[in-house]
PDB file of N, CA and C in Angstrom:
ATOM      1  N   MET A   1     -96.619  22.442  36.217  1.00  0.00           N
ATOM      2  CA  MET A   1     -97.798  22.161  35.427  1.00  0.00           C
ATOM      3  C   MET A   1     -97.503  22.438  33.953  1.00  0.00           C
ATOM      4  N   TRP A   2     -97.962  21.530  33.080  1.00  0.00           N
ATOM      5  CA  TRP A   2     -97.706  21.646  31.660  1.00  0.00           C
ATOM      6  C   TRP A   2     -98.601  22.712  31.047  1.00  0.00           C
ATOM      7  N   SER A   3     -98.076  23.455  30.111  1.00  0.00           N
ATOM      8  CA  SER A   3     -98.820  24.523  29.481  1.00  0.00           C
ATOM      9  C   SER A   3     -98.720  24.397  27.964  1.00  0.00           C
ATOM     10  N   ASP A   4     -99.841  24.496  27.288  1.00  0.00           N
ATOM     11  CA  ASP A   4     -99.876  24.419  25.829  1.00  0.00           C
ATOM     12  C   ASP A   4     -99.788  25.842  25.299  1.00  0.00           C
ATOM     13  N   PRO A   5     -98.776  26.146  24.485  1.00  0.00           N
ATOM     14  CA  PRO A   5     -98.610  27.513  23.994  1.00  0.00           C
ATOM     15  C   PRO A   5     -99.770  27.997  23.121  1.00  0.00           C
ATOM     16  N   ILE A   6    -100.409  27.104  22.404  1.00  0.00           N
ATOM     17  CA  ILE A   6    -101.545  27.519  21.571  1.00  0.00           C
ATOM     18  C   ILE A   6    -102.725  27.910  22.440  1.00  0.00           C
ATOM     19  N   VAL A   7    -103.010  27.092  23.459  1.00  0.00           N
ATOM     20  CA  VAL A   7    -104.102  27.411  24.389  1.00  0.00           C
ATOM     21  C   VAL A   7    -103.796  28.713  25.108  1.00  0.00           C
ATOM     22  N   ASP A   8    -102.545  28.895  25.526  1.00  0.00           N
ATOM     23  CA  ASP A   8    -102.151  30.122  26.200  1.00  0.00           C
ATOM     24  C   ASP A   8    -102.383  31.334  25.303  1.00  0.00           C
ATOM     25  N   GLN A   9    -102.036  31.218  24.018  1.00  0.00           N
ATOM     26  CA  GLN A   9    -102.218  32.321  23.069  1.00  0.00           C
ATOM     27  C   GLN A   9    -103.707  32.638  22.882  1.00  0.00           C
ATOM     28  N   ILE A  10    -104.526  31.586  22.746  1.00  0.00           N
ATOM     29  CA  ILE A  10    -105.975  31.811  22.577  1.00  0.00           C
ATOM     30  C   ILE A  10    -106.554  32.489  23.801  1.00  0.00           C
ATOM     31  N   ARG A  11    -106.145  32.041  24.980  1.00  0.00           N
ATOM     32  CA  ARG A  11    -106.649  32.655  26.213  1.00  0.00           C
ATOM     33  C   ARG A  11    -106.200  34.114  26.323  1.00  0.00           C
ATOM     34  N   ALA A  12    -104.985  34.404  25.913  1.00  0.00           N
ATOM     35  CA  ALA A  12    -104.492  35.786  25.962  1.00  0.00           C
ATOM     36  C   ALA A  12    -105.280  36.668  24.994  1.00  0.00           C
ATOM     37  N   GLU A  13    -105.561  36.152  23.787  1.00  0.00           N
ATOM     38  CA  GLU A  13    -106.341  36.905  22.814  1.00  0.00           C
ATOM     39  C   GLU A  13    -107.766  37.132  23.313  1.00  0.00           C
ATOM     40  N   ALA A  14    -108.364  36.101  23.908  1.00  0.00           N
ATOM     41  CA  ALA A  14    -109.719  36.228  24.444  1.00  0.00           C
ATOM     42  C   ALA A  14    -109.754  37.270  25.566  1.00  0.00           C
ATOM     43  N   LYS A  15    -108.747  37.255  26.423  1.00  0.00           N
ATOM     44  CA  LYS A  15    -108.683  38.230  27.520  1.00  0.00           C
ATOM     45  C   LYS A  15    -108.506  39.636  26.977  1.00  0.00           C
ATOM     46  N   ALA A  16    -107.652  39.797  25.972  1.00  0.00           N
ATOM     47  CA  ALA A  16    -107.436  41.116  25.364  1.00  0.00           C
ATOM     48  C   ALA A  16    -108.736  41.636  24.741  1.00  0.00           C
ATOM     49  N   TRP A  17    -109.464  40.748  24.046  1.00  0.00           N
ATOM     50  CA  TRP A  17    -110.754  41.122  23.442  1.00  0.00           C
ATOM     51  C   TRP A  17    -111.732  41.552  24.522  1.00  0.00           C
ATOM     52  N   SER A  18    -111.811  40.760  25.590  1.00  0.00           N
ATOM     53  CA  SER A  18    -112.720  41.071  26.695  1.00  0.00           C
ATOM     54  C   SER A  18    -112.325  42.391  27.375  1.00  0.00           C
ATOM     55  N   ASP A  19    -111.043  42.595  27.542  1.00  0.00           N
ATOM     56  CA  ASP A  19    -110.572  43.825  28.194  1.00  0.00           C
ATOM     57  C   ASP A  19    -110.920  45.078  27.402  1.00  0.00           C
ATOM     58  N   GLN A  20    -110.958  44.953  26.066  1.00  0.00           N
ATOM     59  CA  GLN A  20    -111.310  46.110  25.221  1.00  0.00           C
ATOM     60  C   GLN A  20    -112.716  46.619  25.525  1.00  0.00           C
ATOM     61  N   PHE A  21    -113.582  45.694  25.985  1.00  0.00           N
ATOM     62  CA  PHE A  21    -114.977  46.043  26.233  1.00  0.00           C
ATOM     63  C   PHE A  21    -115.309  45.993  27.721  1.00  0.00           C
ATOM     64  N   GLY A  22    -114.290  45.976  28.545  1.00  0.00           N
ATOM     65  CA  GLY A  22    -114.502  45.960  29.986  1.00  0.00           C
ATOM     66  C   GLY A  22    -115.259  44.732  30.453  1.00  0.00           C
ATOM     67  N   GLY A  23    -115.145  43.643  29.706  1.00  0.00           N
ATOM     68  CA  GLY A  23    -115.825  42.408  30.061  1.00  0.00           C
ATOM     69  C   GLY A  23    -117.311  42.410  29.761  1.00  0.00           C
ATOM     70  N   ASP A  24    -117.810  43.449  29.081  1.00  0.00           N
ATOM     71  CA  ASP A  24    -119.231  43.567  28.758  1.00  0.00           C
ATOM     72  C   ASP A  24    -119.565  42.688  27.555  1.00  0.00           C
ATOM     73  N   VAL A  25    -120.223  41.552  27.820  1.00  0.00           N
ATOM     74  CA  VAL A  25    -120.529  40.594  26.768  1.00  0.00           C
ATOM     75  C   VAL A  25    -121.451  41.200  25.711  1.00  0.00           C
ATOM     76  N   ASN A  26    -122.405  42.016  26.138  1.00  0.00           N
ATOM     77  CA  ASN A  26    -123.310  42.650  25.168  1.00  0.00           C
ATOM     78  C   ASN A  26    -122.546  43.557  24.220  1.00  0.00           C
ATOM     79  N   ALA A  27    -121.572  44.286  24.730  1.00  0.00           N
ATOM     80  CA  ALA A  27    -120.773  45.164  23.885  1.00  0.00           C
ATOM     81  C   ALA A  27    -119.907  44.345  22.918  1.00  0.00           C
ATOM     82  N   MET A  28    -119.394  43.213  23.384  1.00  0.00           N
ATOM     83  CA  MET A  28    -118.579  42.344  22.519  1.00  0.00           C
ATOM     84  C   MET A  28    -119.418  41.817  21.363  1.00  0.00           C
ATOM     85  N   PHE A  29    -120.647  41.341  21.672  1.00  0.00           N
ATOM     86  CA  PHE A  29    -121.509  40.830  20.611  1.00  0.00           C
ATOM     87  C   PHE A  29    -121.983  41.934  19.672  1.00  0.00           C
ATOM     88  N   ALA A  30    -122.199  43.135  20.187  1.00  0.00           N
ATOM     89  CA  ALA A  30    -122.571  44.251  19.329  1.00  0.00           C
ATOM     90  C   ALA A  30    -121.437  44.545  18.349  1.00  0.00           C
ATOM     91  N   GLU A  31    -120.202  44.481  18.821  1.00  0.00           N
ATOM     92  CA  GLU A  31    -119.055  44.703  17.922  1.00  0.00           C
ATOM     93  C   GLU A  31    -118.963  43.592  16.896  1.00  0.00           C
ATOM     94  N   LEU A  32    -119.206  42.359  17.284  1.00  0.00           N
ATOM     95  CA  LEU A  32    -119.178  41.249  16.331  1.00  0.00           C
ATOM     96  C   LEU A  32    -120.264  41.440  15.253  1.00  0.00           C
ATOM     97  N   ARG A  33    -121.463  41.884  15.677  1.00  0.00           N
ATOM     98  CA  ARG A  33    -122.531  42.155  14.714  1.00  0.00           C
ATOM     99  C   ARG A  33    -122.120  43.272  13.762  1.00  0.00           C
ATOM    100  N   ARG A  34    -121.493  44.324  14.303  1.00  0.00           N
ATOM    101  CA  ARG A  34    -121.061  45.445  13.473  1.00  0.00           C
ATOM    102  C   ARG A  34    -120.036  44.977  12.448  1.00  0.00           C
ATOM    103  N   LEU A  35    -119.063  44.180  12.899  1.00  0.00           N
ATOM    104  CA  LEU A  35    -118.039  43.662  11.988  1.00  0.00           C
ATOM    105  C   LEU A  35    -118.652  42.752  10.929  1.00  0.00           C
ATOM    106  N   ASP A  36    -119.622  41.955  11.350  1.00  0.00           N
ATOM    107  CA  ASP A  36    -120.288  41.054  10.413  1.00  0.00           C
ATOM    108  C   ASP A  36    -121.003  41.839   9.341  1.00  0.00           C
ATOM    109  N   GLU A  37    -121.764  42.849   9.733  1.00  0.00           N
ATOM    110  CA  GLU A  37    -122.477  43.685   8.759  1.00  0.00           C
ATOM    111  C   GLU A  37    -121.515  44.460   7.853  1.00  0.00           C
ATOM    112  N   ALA A  38    -120.433  44.935   8.419  1.00  0.00           N
ATOM    113  CA  ALA A  38    -119.450  45.713   7.648  1.00  0.00           C
ATOM    114  C   ALA A  38    -118.698  44.847   6.639  1.00  0.00           C
ATOM    115  N   SER A  39    -118.672  43.538   6.852  1.00  0.00           N
ATOM    116  CA  SER A  39    -117.926  42.659   5.946  1.00  0.00           C
ATOM    117  C   SER A  39    -118.585  42.601   4.569  1.00  0.00           C
ATOM    118  N   GLY A  40    -119.902  42.832   4.516  1.00  0.00           N
ATOM    119  CA  GLY A  40    -120.604  42.799   3.241  1.00  0.00           C
ATOM    120  C   GLY A  40    -120.843  41.395   2.732  1.00  0.00           C
ATOM    121  N   GLU A  41    -120.460  40.389   3.492  1.00  0.00           N
ATOM    122  CA  GLU A  41    -120.686  39.012   3.046  1.00  0.00           C
ATOM    123  C   GLU A  41    -122.113  38.596   3.323  1.00  0.00           C
ATOM    124  N   LEU A  42    -122.626  37.729   2.465  1.00  0.00           N
ATOM    125  CA  LEU A  42    -123.976  37.251   2.595  1.00  0.00           C
ATOM    126  C   LEU A  42    -124.091  36.303   3.801  1.00  0.00           C
ATOM    127  N   LEU A  43    -125.049  36.587   4.652  1.00  0.00           N
ATOM    128  CA  LEU A  43    -125.284  35.721   5.792  1.00  0.00           C
ATOM    129  C   LEU A  43    -126.349  34.700   5.427  1.00  0.00           C
ATOM    130  N   VAL A  44    -126.169  33.488   5.837  1.00  0.00           N
ATOM    131  CA  VAL A  44    -127.135  32.445   5.572  1.00  0.00           C
ATOM    132  C   VAL A  44    -127.983  32.255   6.813  1.00  0.00           C
ATOM    133  N   THR A  45    -129.281  32.385   6.644  1.00  0.00           N
ATOM    134  CA  THR A  45    -130.185  32.103   7.743  1.00  0.00           C
ATOM    135  C   THR A  45    -131.143  31.013   7.268  1.00  0.00           C
ATOM    136  N   LEU A  46    -131.289  30.004   8.084  1.00  0.00           N
ATOM    137  CA  LEU A  46    -132.141  28.887   7.746  1.00  0.00           C
ATOM    138  C   LEU A  46    -133.453  28.984   8.497  1.00  0.00           C
ATOM    139  N   PRO A  47    -134.523  28.500   7.903  1.00  0.00           N
ATOM    140  CA  PRO A  47    -135.798  28.517   8.628  1.00  0.00           C
ATOM    141  C   PRO A  47    -135.712  27.566   9.816  1.00  0.00           C
ATOM    142  N   PRO A  48    -136.488  27.810  10.865  1.00  0.00           N
ATOM    143  CA  PRO A  48    -136.457  26.906  12.006  1.00  0.00           C
ATOM    144  C   PRO A  48    -136.956  25.523  11.620  1.00  0.00           C
ATOM    145  N   ARG A  49    -136.341  24.506  12.204  1.00  0.00           N
ATOM    146  CA  ARG A  49    -136.745  23.140  11.944  1.00  0.00           C
ATOM    147  C   ARG A  49    -137.756  22.685  12.990  1.00  0.00           C
ATOM    148  N   ALA A  50    -138.653  21.832  12.589  1.00  0.00           N
ATOM    149  CA  ALA A  50    -139.600  21.251  13.534  1.00  0.00           C
ATOM    150  C   ALA A  50    -138.852  20.249  14.402  1.00  0.00           C
ATOM    151  N   PRO A  51    -139.191  20.163  15.688  1.00  0.00           N
ATOM    152  CA  PRO A  51    -138.514  19.188  16.539  1.00  0.00           C
ATOM    153  C   PRO A  51    -138.843  17.774  16.088  1.00  0.00           C
ATOM    154  N   ALA A  52    -137.928  16.853  16.365  1.00  0.00           N
ATOM    155  CA  ALA A  52    -138.162  15.443  16.031  1.00  0.00           C
ATOM    156  C   ALA A  52    -139.388  14.958  16.789  1.00  0.00           C
ATOM    157  N   SER A  53    -140.095  14.019  16.219  1.00  0.00           N
ATOM    158  CA  SER A  53    -141.297  13.536  16.904  1.00  0.00           C
ATOM    159  C   SER A  53    -140.909  12.934  18.246  1.00  0.00           C
ATOM    160  N   GLY A  54    -141.709  13.228  19.240  1.00  0.00           N
ATOM    161  CA  GLY A  54    -141.447  12.724  20.582  1.00  0.00           C
ATOM    162  C   GLY A  54    -140.536  13.618  21.396  1.00  0.00           C
ATOM    163  N   THR A  55    -139.990  14.650  20.795  1.00  0.00           N
ATOM    164  CA  THR A  55    -139.122  15.581  21.499  1.00  0.00           C
ATOM    165  C   THR A  55    -139.984  16.642  22.174  1.00  0.00           C
ATOM    166  N   PRO A  56    -139.852  16.786  23.517  1.00  0.00           N
ATOM    167  CA  PRO A  56    -140.666  17.822  24.168  1.00  0.00           C
ATOM    168  C   PRO A  56    -140.255  19.207  23.681  1.00  0.00           C
ATOM    169  N   VAL A  57    -141.236  20.048  23.459  1.00  0.00           N
ATOM    170  CA  VAL A  57    -140.997  21.419  23.045  1.00  0.00           C
ATOM    171  C   VAL A  57    -140.819  22.254  24.299  1.00  0.00           C
ATOM    172  N   LEU A  58    -139.810  23.105  24.304  1.00  0.00           N
ATOM    173  CA  LEU A  58    -139.509  23.925  25.475  1.00  0.00           C
ATOM    174  C   LEU A  58    -140.751  24.655  25.951  1.00  0.00           C
ATOM    175  N   GLY A  59    -141.045  24.537  27.235  1.00  0.00           N
ATOM    176  CA  GLY A  59    -142.160  25.234  27.815  1.00  0.00           C
ATOM    177  C   GLY A  59    -143.466  24.465  27.784  1.00  0.00           C
ATOM    178  N   THR A  60    -143.448  23.258  27.184  1.00  0.00           N
ATOM    179  CA  THR A  60    -144.693  22.488  27.106  1.00  0.00           C
ATOM    180  C   THR A  60    -144.717  21.302  28.058  1.00  0.00           C
ATOM    181  N   LEU A  61    -143.609  20.987  28.685  1.00  0.00           N
ATOM    182  CA  LEU A  61    -143.540  19.861  29.606  1.00  0.00           C
ATOM    183  C   LEU A  61    -144.137  20.272  30.937  1.00  0.00           C
ATOM    184  N   SER A  62    -145.199  19.607  31.344  1.00  0.00           N
ATOM    185  CA  SER A  62    -145.817  19.961  32.607  1.00  0.00           C
ATOM    186  C   SER A  62    -145.027  19.378  33.753  1.00  0.00           C
ATOM    187  N   THR A  63    -145.213  19.930  34.939  1.00  0.00           N
ATOM    188  CA  THR A  63    -144.513  19.455  36.132  1.00  0.00           C
ATOM    189  C   THR A  63    -144.859  17.999  36.389  1.00  0.00           C
ATOM    190  N   SER A  64    -146.132  17.627  36.236  1.00  0.00           N
ATOM    191  CA  SER A  64    -146.517  16.237  36.523  1.00  0.00           C
ATOM    192  C   SER A  64    -145.866  15.281  35.531  1.00  0.00           C
ATOM    193  N   SER A  65    -145.701  15.696  34.266  1.00  0.00           N
ATOM    194  CA  SER A  65    -145.030  14.854  33.279  1.00  0.00           C
ATOM    195  C   SER A  65    -143.567  14.669  33.645  1.00  0.00           C
ATOM    196  N   ALA A  66    -142.938  15.734  34.137  1.00  0.00           N
ATOM    197  CA  ALA A  66    -141.531  15.658  34.525  1.00  0.00           C
ATOM    198  C   ALA A  66    -141.375  14.699  35.694  1.00  0.00           C
ATOM    199  N   VAL A  67    -142.304  14.760  36.626  1.00  0.00           N
ATOM    200  CA  VAL A  67    -142.225  13.854  37.776  1.00  0.00           C
ATOM    201  C   VAL A  67    -142.452  12.428  37.322  1.00  0.00           C
ATOM    202  N   ASP A  68    -143.449  12.188  36.444  1.00  0.00           N
ATOM    203  CA  ASP A  68    -143.715  10.847  35.922  1.00  0.00           C
ATOM    204  C   ASP A  68    -142.507  10.295  35.188  1.00  0.00           C
ATOM    205  N   ALA A  69    -141.831  11.127  34.389  1.00  0.00           N
ATOM    206  CA  ALA A  69    -140.651  10.678  33.656  1.00  0.00           C
ATOM    207  C   ALA A  69    -139.539  10.305  34.599  1.00  0.00           C
ATOM    208  N   THR A  70    -139.400  11.043  35.686  1.00  0.00           N
ATOM    209  CA  THR A  70    -138.358  10.753  36.678  1.00  0.00           C
ATOM    210  C   THR A  70    -138.643   9.409  37.344  1.00  0.00           C
ATOM    211  N   LYS A  71    -139.898   9.148  37.673  1.00  0.00           N
ATOM    212  CA  LYS A  71    -140.265   7.891  38.323  1.00  0.00           C
ATOM    213  C   LYS A  71    -139.995   6.720  37.390  1.00  0.00           C
ATOM    214  N   GLN A  72    -140.234   6.894  36.104  1.00  0.00           N
ATOM    215  CA  GLN A  72    -140.049   5.799  35.154  1.00  0.00           C
ATOM    216  C   GLN A  72    -138.593   5.485  34.946  1.00  0.00           C
ATOM    217  N   SER A  73    -137.710   6.437  35.091  1.00  0.00           N
ATOM    218  CA  SER A  73    -136.293   6.205  34.824  1.00  0.00           C
ATOM    219  C   SER A  73    -135.590   5.510  35.978  1.00  0.00           C
ATOM    220  N   HIS A  74    -136.236   5.422  37.145  1.00  0.00           N
ATOM    221  CA  HIS A  74    -135.574   4.792  38.292  1.00  0.00           C
ATOM    222  C   HIS A  74    -135.994   3.366  38.451  1.00  0.00           C
TER     223      HIS A  74
END
């Protein structure tokens, strides 16, 4: 089987990072947040955008609408 050395290196680095935190994703993200804050660089946060017209908003699609949409697509 062919192996890409760059992909292998990235996977090895990702595994080493994960191993440092025992595979705990929350701990990994906490460390990333700590590093981000310690960098002193300005973070850009954008205001939320309104969904495009006609786009269902998460949590507003009723079950009957989902069923109707399924029937129309067949």
